[in-house]
C-alpha atoms as a PDB file:
ATOM      1  CA  MET A   1      20.891   8.702   9.845  1.00  0.00           C
ATOM      2  CA  ALA A   2      21.406   6.683  13.021  1.00  0.00           C
ATOM      3  CA  THR A   3      19.242   9.158  14.934  1.00  0.00           C
ATOM      4  CA  ILE A   4      16.386   8.904  12.430  1.00  0.00           C
ATOM      5  CA  LEU A   5      16.475   5.097  12.237  1.00  0.00           C
ATOM      6  CA  GLU A   6      17.099   4.760  16.002  1.00  0.00           C
ATOM      7  CA  LEU A   7      20.183   2.611  15.435  1.00  0.00           C
ATOM      8  CA  GLY A   8      23.622   2.588  16.984  1.00  0.00           C
ATOM      9  CA  ILE A   9      26.184   4.501  14.983  1.00  0.00           C
ATOM     10  CA  ASP A  10      28.224   1.299  14.588  1.00  0.00           C
ATOM     11  CA  GLU A  11      25.293  -0.342  12.782  1.00  0.00           C
ATOM     12  CA  LEU A  12      25.604   2.028   9.824  1.00  0.00           C
ATOM     13  CA  PRO A  13      28.068   1.464   6.965  1.00  0.00           C
ATOM     14  CA  ARG A  14      31.012   3.815   6.577  1.00  0.00           C
ATOM     15  CA  PRO A  15      31.170   5.755   3.294  1.00  0.00           C
ATOM     16  CA  ARG A  16      34.363   5.393   1.288  1.00  0.00           C
ATOM     17  CA  PRO A  17      36.948   8.209   1.358  1.00  0.00           C
ATOM     18  CA  ASN A  18      35.668  11.297  -0.495  1.00  0.00           C
ATOM     19  CA  GLU A  19      32.251   9.639  -1.018  1.00  0.00           C
ATOM     20  CA  ASP A  20      29.184  11.799  -0.390  1.00  0.00           C
ATOM     21  CA  PRO A  21      27.090   9.741   2.073  1.00  0.00           C
ATOM     22  CA  ALA A  22      23.873  11.222   0.659  1.00  0.00           C
ATOM     23  CA  THR A  23      24.498  10.196  -2.956  1.00  0.00           C
ATOM     24  CA  GLY A  24      27.201   7.522  -2.870  1.00  0.00           C
ATOM     25  CA  PHE A  25      26.440   3.826  -3.220  1.00  0.00           C
ATOM     26  CA  THR A  26      27.592   2.740   0.256  1.00  0.00           C
ATOM     27  CA  VAL A  27      24.770   4.312   2.253  1.00  0.00           C
ATOM     28  CA  THR A  28      22.079   4.339  -0.458  1.00  0.00           C
ATOM     29  CA  ARG A  29      22.421   0.610  -1.215  1.00  0.00           C
ATOM     30  CA  TRP A  30      22.464  -0.223   2.482  1.00  0.00           C
ATOM     31  CA  LEU A  31      19.240   1.737   2.854  1.00  0.00           C
ATOM     32  CA  GLY A  32      17.819  -0.215  -0.097  1.00  0.00           C
ATOM     33  CA  SER A  33      18.372  -3.447   1.824  1.00  0.00           C
ATOM     34  CA  LEU A  34      16.002  -2.042   4.459  1.00  0.00           C
ATOM     35  CA  GLY A  35      13.372  -1.064   1.881  1.00  0.00           C
ATOM     36  CA  LEU A  36      14.315   2.600   2.253  1.00  0.00           C
ATOM     37  CA  GLY A  37      15.780   5.355   0.129  1.00  0.00           C
ATOM     38  CA  LEU A  38      17.173   8.856   0.532  1.00  0.00           C
ATOM     39  CA  VAL A  39      15.121  11.417  -1.423  1.00  0.00           C
ATOM     40  CA  PRO A  40      16.536  14.918  -2.141  1.00  0.00           C
ATOM     41  CA  VAL A  41      14.345  17.812  -0.988  1.00  0.00           C
ATOM     42  CA  ALA A  42      13.706  20.283  -3.798  1.00  0.00           C
ATOM     43  CA  SER A  43      13.407  23.411  -1.615  1.00  0.00           C
ATOM     44  CA  PRO A  44      15.001  22.550   1.741  1.00  0.00           C
ATOM     45  CA  ALA A  45      15.040  26.139   3.026  1.00  0.00           C
ATOM     46  CA  SER A  46      11.226  26.171   3.124  1.00  0.00           C
ATOM     47  CA  PHE A  47      10.588  22.436   3.615  1.00  0.00           C
ATOM     48  CA  SER A  48       8.553  21.197   6.589  1.00  0.00           C
ATOM     49  CA  TRP A  49       7.694  17.618   7.533  1.00  0.00           C
ATOM     50  CA  PRO A  50       5.781  16.057  10.475  1.00  0.00           C
ATOM     51  CA  GLY A  51       8.703  13.747  11.128  1.00  0.00           C
ATOM     52  CA  PRO A  52      12.498  13.650  10.789  1.00  0.00           C
ATOM     53  CA  TRP A  53      14.555  14.696   7.791  1.00  0.00           C
ATOM     54  CA  ILE A  54      18.180  15.649   7.203  1.00  0.00           C
ATOM     55  CA  ALA A  55      19.443  19.142   6.423  1.00  0.00           C
ATOM     56  CA  ARG A  56      23.027  19.946   5.570  1.00  0.00           C
ATOM     57  CA  LEU A  57      24.167  23.347   6.743  1.00  0.00           C
ATOM     58  CA  GLY A  58      27.010  25.439   5.387  1.00  0.00           C
ATOM     59  CA  ASP A  59      28.644  26.290   2.080  1.00  0.00           C
ATOM     60  CA  PRO A  60      28.963  23.423  -0.463  1.00  0.00           C
ATOM     61  CA  ALA A  61      31.497  25.400  -2.508  1.00  0.00           C
ATOM     62  CA  ARG A  62      33.857  25.530   0.466  1.00  0.00           C
ATOM     63  CA  GLU A  63      33.086  21.907   1.425  1.00  0.00           C
ATOM     64  CA  GLU A  64      32.064  23.049   4.897  1.00  0.00           C
ATOM     65  CA  LEU A  65      28.885  21.065   5.508  1.00  0.00           C
ATOM     66  CA  HIS A  66      27.543  19.335   8.558  1.00  0.00           C
ATOM     67  CA  SER A  67      24.272  17.441   8.876  1.00  0.00           C
ATOM     68  CA  VAL A  68      21.464  17.978  11.379  1.00  0.00           C
ATOM     69  CA  VAL A  69      18.141  16.259  11.961  1.00  0.00           C
ATOM     70  CA  MET A  70      15.093  18.457  11.359  1.00  0.00           C
ATOM     71  CA  TYR A  71      11.553  17.820  12.609  1.00  0.00           C
ATOM     72  CA  GLY A  72       8.069  19.315  12.509  1.00  0.00           C
ATOM     73  CA  VAL A  73       5.748  21.690  10.634  1.00  0.00           C
ATOM     74  CA  PRO A  74       7.382  24.215  10.676  1.00  0.00           C
ATOM     75  CA  SER A  75      10.675  22.339  11.060  1.00  0.00           C
ATOM     76  CA  GLY A  76      13.423  22.998  13.552  1.00  0.00           C
ATOM     77  CA  ILE A  77      16.631  21.226  14.567  1.00  0.00           C
ATOM     78  CA  VAL A  78      16.095  18.308  16.952  1.00  0.00           C
ATOM     79  CA  TRP A  79      19.638  16.946  16.765  1.00  0.00           C
ATOM     80  CA  ASP A  80      22.866  18.746  15.915  1.00  0.00           C
ATOM     81  CA  PRO A  81      26.013  16.656  16.501  1.00  0.00           C
ATOM     82  CA  GLU A  82      28.026  19.854  16.966  1.00  0.00           C
ATOM     83  CA  ALA A  83      25.683  21.479  19.498  1.00  0.00           C
ATOM     84  CA  GLY A  84      23.957  18.559  21.237  1.00  0.00           C
ATOM     85  CA  SER A  85      20.278  17.867  21.828  1.00  0.00           C
ATOM     86  CA  ASP A  86      19.679  20.653  24.363  1.00  0.00           C
ATOM     87  CA  ALA A  87      20.692  23.522  22.096  1.00  0.00           C
ATOM     88  CA  PRO A  88      17.777  25.873  21.266  1.00  0.00           C
ATOM     89  CA  SER A  89      16.585  25.726  17.685  1.00  0.00           C
ATOM     90  CA  LYS A  90      17.569  28.629  15.445  1.00  0.00           C
ATOM     91  CA  GLY A  91      14.921  31.004  14.162  1.00  0.00           C
ATOM     92  CA  ARG A  92      13.354  29.889  10.906  1.00  0.00           C
ATOM     93  CA  ASP A  93      14.815  32.741   8.839  1.00  0.00           C
ATOM     94  CA  GLN A  94      18.282  32.303  10.311  1.00  0.00           C
ATOM     95  CA  LEU A  95      18.162  28.545   9.785  1.00  0.00           C
ATOM     96  CA  ALA A  96      16.831  28.727   6.223  1.00  0.00           C
ATOM     97  CA  SER A  97      19.720  30.898   5.088  1.00  0.00           C
ATOM     98  CA  SER A  98      22.224  28.246   6.177  1.00  0.00           C
ATOM     99  CA  ILE A  99      20.555  25.139   4.660  1.00  0.00           C
ATOM    100  CA  ALA A 100      22.514  23.934   1.619  1.00  0.00           C
ATOM    101  CA  ASP A 101      20.446  20.835   0.851  1.00  0.00           C
ATOM    102  CA  GLY A 102      18.060  18.361   2.447  1.00  0.00           C
ATOM    103  CA  PHE A 103      17.097  14.691   2.296  1.00  0.00           C
ATOM    104  CA  LEU A 104      14.126  12.621   3.427  1.00  0.00           C
ATOM    105  CA  VAL A 105      14.389   8.954   4.371  1.00  0.00           C
ATOM    106  CA  ALA A 106      11.452   7.318   2.594  1.00  0.00           C
ATOM    107  CA  ALA A 107      10.077   3.841   1.943  1.00  0.00           C
ATOM    108  CA  THR A 108      10.753   2.513  -1.544  1.00  0.00           C
ATOM    109  CA  ASP A 109       7.269   0.928  -1.574  1.00  0.00           C
ATOM    110  CA  ILE A 110       4.889   2.730   0.744  1.00  0.00           C
ATOM    111  CA  ALA A 111       2.200   0.026   0.490  1.00  0.00           C
ATOM    112  CA  LEU A 112       4.589  -2.503   2.035  1.00  0.00           C
ATOM    113  CA  ALA A 113       5.989  -0.091   4.597  1.00  0.00           C
ATOM    114  CA  ARG A 114       2.745   1.417   5.859  1.00  0.00           C
ATOM    115  CA  PRO A 115       2.518   0.681   9.610  1.00  0.00           C
ATOM    116  CA  GLY A 116      -0.386  -1.294  10.977  1.00  0.00           C
ATOM    117  CA  GLN A 117      -2.979   0.405  13.174  1.00  0.00           C
ATOM    118  CA  PRO A 118      -2.128  -0.011  16.873  1.00  0.00           C
ATOM    119  CA  SER A 119      -4.595  -1.538  19.296  1.00  0.00           C
ATOM    120  CA  ALA A 120      -6.371   1.021  21.447  1.00  0.00           C
ATOM    121  CA  ASP A 121      -5.339   1.179  25.099  1.00  0.00           C
ATOM    122  CA  ALA A 122      -7.851  -0.891  27.061  1.00  0.00           C
ATOM    123  CA  THR A 123      -7.562   1.228  30.185  1.00  0.00           C
ATOM    124  CA  ALA A 124      -9.705   4.249  30.975  1.00  0.00           C
ATOM    125  CA  GLY A 125      -8.161   7.664  31.474  1.00  0.00           C
ATOM    126  CA  VAL A 126      -9.412  10.895  32.985  1.00  0.00           C
ATOM    127  CA  VAL A 127      -9.422  14.555  31.955  1.00  0.00           C
ATOM    128  CA  GLU A 128      -7.327  16.588  34.408  1.00  0.00           C
ATOM    129  CA  GLN A 129      -7.254  19.997  32.693  1.00  0.00           C
ATOM    130  CA  ILE A 130      -9.230  21.824  30.002  1.00  0.00           C
ATOM    131  CA  CYS A 131      -7.283  24.561  28.234  1.00  0.00           C
ATOM    132  CA  ILE A 132      -8.372  27.023  25.567  1.00  0.00           C
ATOM    133  CA  ALA A 133      -6.899  30.198  24.075  1.00  0.00           C
ATOM    134  CA  PRO A 134      -8.867  32.720  21.979  1.00  0.00           C
ATOM    135  CA  ALA A 135      -5.995  33.225  19.503  1.00  0.00           C
ATOM    136  CA  ALA A 136      -2.483  32.058  18.720  1.00  0.00           C
ATOM    137  CA  GLY A 137      -0.119  33.390  21.365  1.00  0.00           C
ATOM    138  CA  GLU A 138      -2.907  34.517  23.689  1.00  0.00           C
ATOM    139  CA  PRO A 139      -2.757  33.353  27.339  1.00  0.00           C
ATOM    140  CA  VAL A 140      -4.250  29.925  28.033  1.00  0.00           C
ATOM    141  CA  GLN A 141      -7.481  29.819  30.032  1.00  0.00           C
ATOM    142  CA  LEU A 142      -8.166  26.860  32.360  1.00  0.00           C
ATOM    143  CA  LEU A 143     -11.826  25.791  32.498  1.00  0.00           C
ATOM    144  CA  GLU A 144     -13.845  23.341  34.553  1.00  0.00           C
ATOM    145  CA  SER A 145     -16.117  22.579  31.592  1.00  0.00           C
ATOM    146  CA  VAL A 146     -16.480  23.496  27.923  1.00  0.00           C
ATOM    147  CA  ARG A 147     -18.870  22.845  25.046  1.00  0.00           C
ATOM    148  CA  ALA A 148     -17.521  20.568  22.309  1.00  0.00           C
ATOM    149  CA  ILE A 149     -18.644  21.532  18.790  1.00  0.00           C
ATOM    150  CA  PRO A 150     -18.566  18.725  16.164  1.00  0.00           C
ATOM    151  CA  GLY A 151     -16.145  19.362  13.323  1.00  0.00           C
ATOM    152  CA  GLN A 152     -14.886  22.580  14.920  1.00  0.00           C
ATOM    153  CA  GLY A 153     -13.414  22.318  18.423  1.00  0.00           C
ATOM    154  CA  LEU A 154     -13.993  23.649  21.931  1.00  0.00           C
ATOM    155  CA  ASP A 155     -16.223  26.706  22.313  1.00  0.00           C
ATOM    156  CA  GLY A 156     -14.131  29.864  22.602  1.00  0.00           C
ATOM    157  CA  ASP A 157     -10.901  28.247  21.449  1.00  0.00           C
ATOM    158  CA  ARG A 158      -8.740  29.544  18.585  1.00  0.00           C
ATOM    159  CA  HIS A 159      -9.389  26.411  16.513  1.00  0.00           C
ATOM    160  CA  VAL A 160     -13.117  27.260  16.423  1.00  0.00           C
ATOM    161  CA  LEU A 161     -12.557  30.973  15.896  1.00  0.00           C
ATOM    162  CA  GLY A 162     -10.062  30.516  13.067  1.00  0.00           C
ATOM    163  CA  ARG A 163      -7.361  32.415  14.966  1.00  0.00           C
ATOM    164  CA  GLY A 164      -4.845  29.626  15.517  1.00  0.00           C
ATOM    165  CA  THR A 165      -1.378  29.109  14.108  1.00  0.00           C
ATOM    166  CA  PHE A 166      -2.691  26.410  11.786  1.00  0.00           C
ATOM    167  CA  PRO A 167      -5.850  26.227   9.621  1.00  0.00           C
ATOM    168  CA  SER A 168      -9.159  25.411  11.306  1.00  0.00           C
ATOM    169  CA  GLY A 169     -11.719  22.920  10.053  1.00  0.00           C
ATOM    170  CA  VAL A 170      -9.281  20.406   8.550  1.00  0.00           C
ATOM    171  CA  PRO A 171      -9.139  16.796   9.837  1.00  0.00           C
ATOM    172  CA  GLY A 172      -7.400  16.572  13.183  1.00  0.00           C
ATOM    173  CA  SER A 173      -7.632  20.292  13.953  1.00  0.00           C
ATOM    174  CA  ALA A 174     -10.580  20.337  16.387  1.00  0.00           C
ATOM    175  CA  LEU A 175      -9.048  18.918  19.555  1.00  0.00           C
ATOM    176  CA  THR A 176      -5.543  18.355  20.927  1.00  0.00           C
ATOM    177  CA  LEU A 177      -4.644  16.227  23.945  1.00  0.00           C
ATOM    178  CA  ILE A 178      -1.478  15.529  25.922  1.00  0.00           C
ATOM    179  CA  GLN A 179      -0.737  13.145  28.791  1.00  0.00           C
ATOM    180  CA  ALA A 180      -0.160  14.504  32.289  1.00  0.00           C
ATOM    181  CA  GLU A 181       2.552  11.875  32.684  1.00  0.00           C
ATOM    182  CA  VAL A 182       4.479  13.469  29.807  1.00  0.00           C
ATOM    183  CA  CYS A 183       4.089  16.954  31.279  1.00  0.00           C
ATOM    184  CA  GLU A 184       5.361  15.714  34.646  1.00  0.00           C
ATOM    185  CA  SER A 185       8.439  14.135  33.073  1.00  0.00           C
ATOM    186  CA  PHE A 186       9.863  17.663  32.637  1.00  0.00           C
ATOM    187  CA  ASP A 187      11.555  19.552  35.467  1.00  0.00           C
ATOM    188  CA  PRO A 188       9.735  21.777  36.183  1.00  0.00           C
ATOM    189  CA  PRO A 189       6.575  20.163  34.747  1.00  0.00           C
ATOM    190  CA  LEU A 190       5.339  21.363  31.375  1.00  0.00           C
ATOM    191  CA  ARG A 191       2.755  24.122  31.813  1.00  0.00           C
ATOM    192  CA  PRO A 192      -0.421  24.623  29.717  1.00  0.00           C
ATOM    193  CA  ASP A 193       0.995  27.836  28.256  1.00  0.00           C
ATOM    194  CA  GLU A 194       3.996  25.804  27.033  1.00  0.00           C
ATOM    195  CA  HIS A 195       2.318  22.717  25.531  1.00  0.00           C
ATOM    196  CA  ARG A 196      -0.918  24.593  24.557  1.00  0.00           C
ATOM    197  CA  ARG A 197      -2.948  21.391  24.111  1.00  0.00           C
ATOM    198  CA  ASN A 198      -6.691  21.500  24.831  1.00  0.00           C
ATOM    199  CA  LEU A 199      -6.973  18.550  27.208  1.00  0.00           C
ATOM    200  CA  VAL A 200      -4.481  17.150  29.706  1.00  0.00           C
ATOM    201  CA  THR A 201      -5.318  13.501  30.428  1.00  0.00           C
ATOM    202  CA  ARG A 202      -4.017  10.839  32.765  1.00  0.00           C
ATOM    203  CA  GLY A 203      -4.020   7.061  32.739  1.00  0.00           C
ATOM    204  CA  ILE A 204      -4.352   6.259  29.018  1.00  0.00           C
ATOM    205  CA  ASP A 205      -1.844   5.979  26.166  1.00  0.00           C
ATOM    206  CA  LEU A 206      -2.970   8.681  23.737  1.00  0.00           C
ATOM    207  CA  ASN A 207      -0.678   7.440  20.955  1.00  0.00           C
ATOM    208  CA  SER A 208      -2.681   4.218  20.825  1.00  0.00           C
ATOM    209  CA  LEU A 209      -5.874   6.119  19.957  1.00  0.00           C
ATOM    210  CA  VAL A 210      -4.735   7.117  16.451  1.00  0.00           C
ATOM    211  CA  GLY A 211      -7.310   5.681  14.056  1.00  0.00           C
ATOM    212  CA  HIS A 212      -9.727   4.808  16.874  1.00  0.00           C
ATOM    213  CA  THR A 213     -13.000   6.285  18.098  1.00  0.00           C
ATOM    214  CA  PHE A 214     -13.018   7.239  21.772  1.00  0.00           C
ATOM    215  CA  SER A 215     -15.231   9.136  24.185  1.00  0.00           C
ATOM    216  CA  VAL A 216     -14.532  12.001  26.574  1.00  0.00           C
ATOM    217  CA  GLY A 217     -17.458  11.938  28.960  1.00  0.00           C
ATOM    218  CA  ASP A 218     -20.470  11.899  26.631  1.00  0.00           C
ATOM    219  CA  VAL A 219     -18.582  13.409  23.665  1.00  0.00           C
ATOM    220  CA  THR A 220     -17.440  11.068  20.897  1.00  0.00           C
ATOM    221  CA  CYS A 221     -14.123  11.794  19.174  1.00  0.00           C
ATOM    222  CA  ARG A 222     -11.782  10.100  16.732  1.00  0.00           C
ATOM    223  CA  GLY A 223      -8.000  10.069  16.982  1.00  0.00           C
ATOM    224  CA  MET A 224      -6.541  11.317  13.691  1.00  0.00           C
ATOM    225  CA  ARG A 225      -2.769  11.549  14.147  1.00  0.00           C
ATOM    226  CA  LEU A 226      -0.054  12.266  16.677  1.00  0.00           C
ATOM    227  CA  CYS A 227       0.260  15.888  17.729  1.00  0.00           C
ATOM    228  CA  GLU A 228       3.962  15.989  16.933  1.00  0.00           C
ATOM    229  CA  PRO A 229       5.942  19.050  18.037  1.00  0.00           C
ATOM    230  CA  CYS A 230       7.336  21.753  15.756  1.00  0.00           C
ATOM    231  CA  THR A 231       9.217  25.012  16.208  1.00  0.00           C
ATOM    232  CA  VAL A 232       6.010  26.631  17.514  1.00  0.00           C
ATOM    233  CA  VAL A 233       6.368  24.744  20.807  1.00  0.00           C
ATOM    234  CA  ASP A 234       9.862  26.173  21.270  1.00  0.00           C
ATOM    235  CA  ARG A 235       8.416  29.630  20.667  1.00  0.00           C
ATOM    236  CA  TYR A 236       6.202  29.317  23.755  1.00  0.00           C
ATOM    237  CA  GLY A 237       8.441  27.156  25.936  1.00  0.00           C
ATOM    238  CA  SER A 238      10.885  28.457  28.525  1.00  0.00           C
ATOM    239  CA  ARG A 239      13.376  25.703  27.490  1.00  0.00           C
ATOM    240  CA  PRO A 240      14.051  23.591  24.381  1.00  0.00           C
ATOM    241  CA  LEU A 241      11.014  21.320  23.922  1.00  0.00           C
ATOM    242  CA  LEU A 242      11.071  20.187  20.304  1.00  0.00           C
ATOM    243  CA  ARG A 243      13.263  17.111  20.637  1.00  0.00           C
ATOM    244  CA  PRO A 244      11.940  15.943  24.068  1.00  0.00           C
ATOM    245  CA  LEU A 245       8.341  15.974  22.732  1.00  0.00           C
ATOM    246  CA  VAL A 246       8.976  13.911  19.592  1.00  0.00           C
ATOM    247  CA  HIS A 247       6.386  11.074  19.665  1.00  0.00           C
ATOM    248  CA  ARG A 248       5.254  12.396  23.084  1.00  0.00           C
ATOM    249  CA  GLY A 249       3.417  15.552  22.030  1.00  0.00           C
ATOM    250  CA  GLY A 250      -0.037  14.017  22.344  1.00  0.00           C
ATOM    251  CA  LEU A 251      -2.946  13.418  19.973  1.00  0.00           C
ATOM    252  CA  ARG A 252      -4.910  15.366  17.363  1.00  0.00           C
ATOM    253  CA  ALA A 253      -8.569  14.382  17.180  1.00  0.00           C
ATOM    254  CA  ASP A 254     -11.863  15.219  15.491  1.00  0.00           C
ATOM    255  CA  ILE A 255     -15.004  15.876  17.543  1.00  0.00           C
ATOM    256  CA  LEU A 256     -17.879  13.756  16.207  1.00  0.00           C
ATOM    257  CA  THR A 257     -20.745  14.589  18.578  1.00  0.00           C
ATOM    258  CA  ALA A 258     -21.786  17.665  20.544  1.00  0.00           C
ATOM    259  CA  GLY A 259     -21.724  17.773  24.307  1.00  0.00           C
ATOM    260  CA  GLU A 260     -20.091  19.128  27.435  1.00  0.00           C
ATOM    261  CA  ILE A 261     -16.552  18.099  28.425  1.00  0.00           C
ATOM    262  CA  ARG A 262     -15.837  18.457  32.134  1.00  0.00           C
ATOM    263  CA  SER A 263     -12.726  18.194  34.249  1.00  0.00           C
ATOM    264  CA  GLY A 264     -12.755  14.678  35.729  1.00  0.00           C
ATOM    265  CA  ASP A 265     -14.553  13.129  32.742  1.00  0.00           C
ATOM    266  CA  GLU A 266     -13.538   9.600  31.839  1.00  0.00           C
ATOM    267  CA  LEU A 267     -11.712   9.041  28.544  1.00  0.00           C
ATOM    268  CA  ARG A 268     -11.933   5.591  27.004  1.00  0.00           C
ATOM    269  CA  ALA A 269     -11.705   3.862  23.640  1.00  0.00           C
ATOM    270  CA  ALA A 270     -15.011   2.926  21.978  1.00  0.00           C
ATOM    271  CA  GLY A 271     -16.430  -0.395  23.127  1.00  0.00           C
ATOM    272  CA  LEU A 272     -14.944  -0.303  26.623  1.00  0.00           C
ATOM    273  CA  SER A 273     -17.080  -0.464  29.727  1.00  0.00           C
ATOM    274  CA  ARG A 274     -17.452   2.611  31.890  1.00  0.00           C
ATOM    275  CA  ASP A 275     -15.802   1.047  34.956  1.00  0.00           C
ATOM    276  CA  SER A 276     -12.223   2.025  35.743  1.00  0.00           C
ATOM    277  CA  SER A 277     -10.855  -1.470  35.120  1.00  0.00           C
ATOM    278  CA  GLY A 278     -11.032  -1.003  31.369  1.00  0.00           C
ATOM    279  CA  ALA A 279     -12.388  -4.536  30.912  1.00  0.00           C
ATOM    280  CA  GLN A 280     -14.282  -5.265  27.692  1.00  0.00           C
ATOM    281  CA  PRO A 281     -18.049  -5.524  28.235  1.00  0.00           C
END
């Protein structure tokens, strides 16, 4: 719970002896004071969520349960107090067989809890790499330029061809982006065949573009949601990547207008001038 709420462990209340923290009054009423609740997951073995949730592993009959934090679609373990944050996530089938129950921390009134839209980064970024793959799992190809197809994706990429891990043509499926600064924070740096995002950018906060229209060269796009990690990224990575990429996995966007995207193209939020200062016109 402390991991999900990003609080110190000492800030959480201690359940009474023999009290189940997931159903007892101590934790649930404390959560209520924050406008939150703990919702049981009906089918935790198959549950996926683009954010954190709690799974309890083990055998309830033998009272041998321990809790882990799950994350992503499909979900994997991002924090296991017994194994630490660097432990590789179990395979989905192996993990599912050990999940006894699951819980989601949710707002009691979503209208009051819905976060406000962030302001778009006023600086201008640049495209450093263009990456496509013809199908899920196929090697990534690095291009100097590519044709952007509205509502579909980049010409020749799996998202256009309908050969990706996830469905094509749905909102936020056309284009994925990640910051070069995030890739370089890994040692060694994260490679295109590990992150598998379409565009690697530098100089702009991609998270701030959710809900905003932006341009890549002459192509207009709209940020739809964060490109949060899931167990798929661990499948391609040479090291555990799921937890380190939480909230840092980049951006999912729709392509609104046709055009050519080139390496070196400027990326900027709508309404910003084309000079590198990012000043409003």
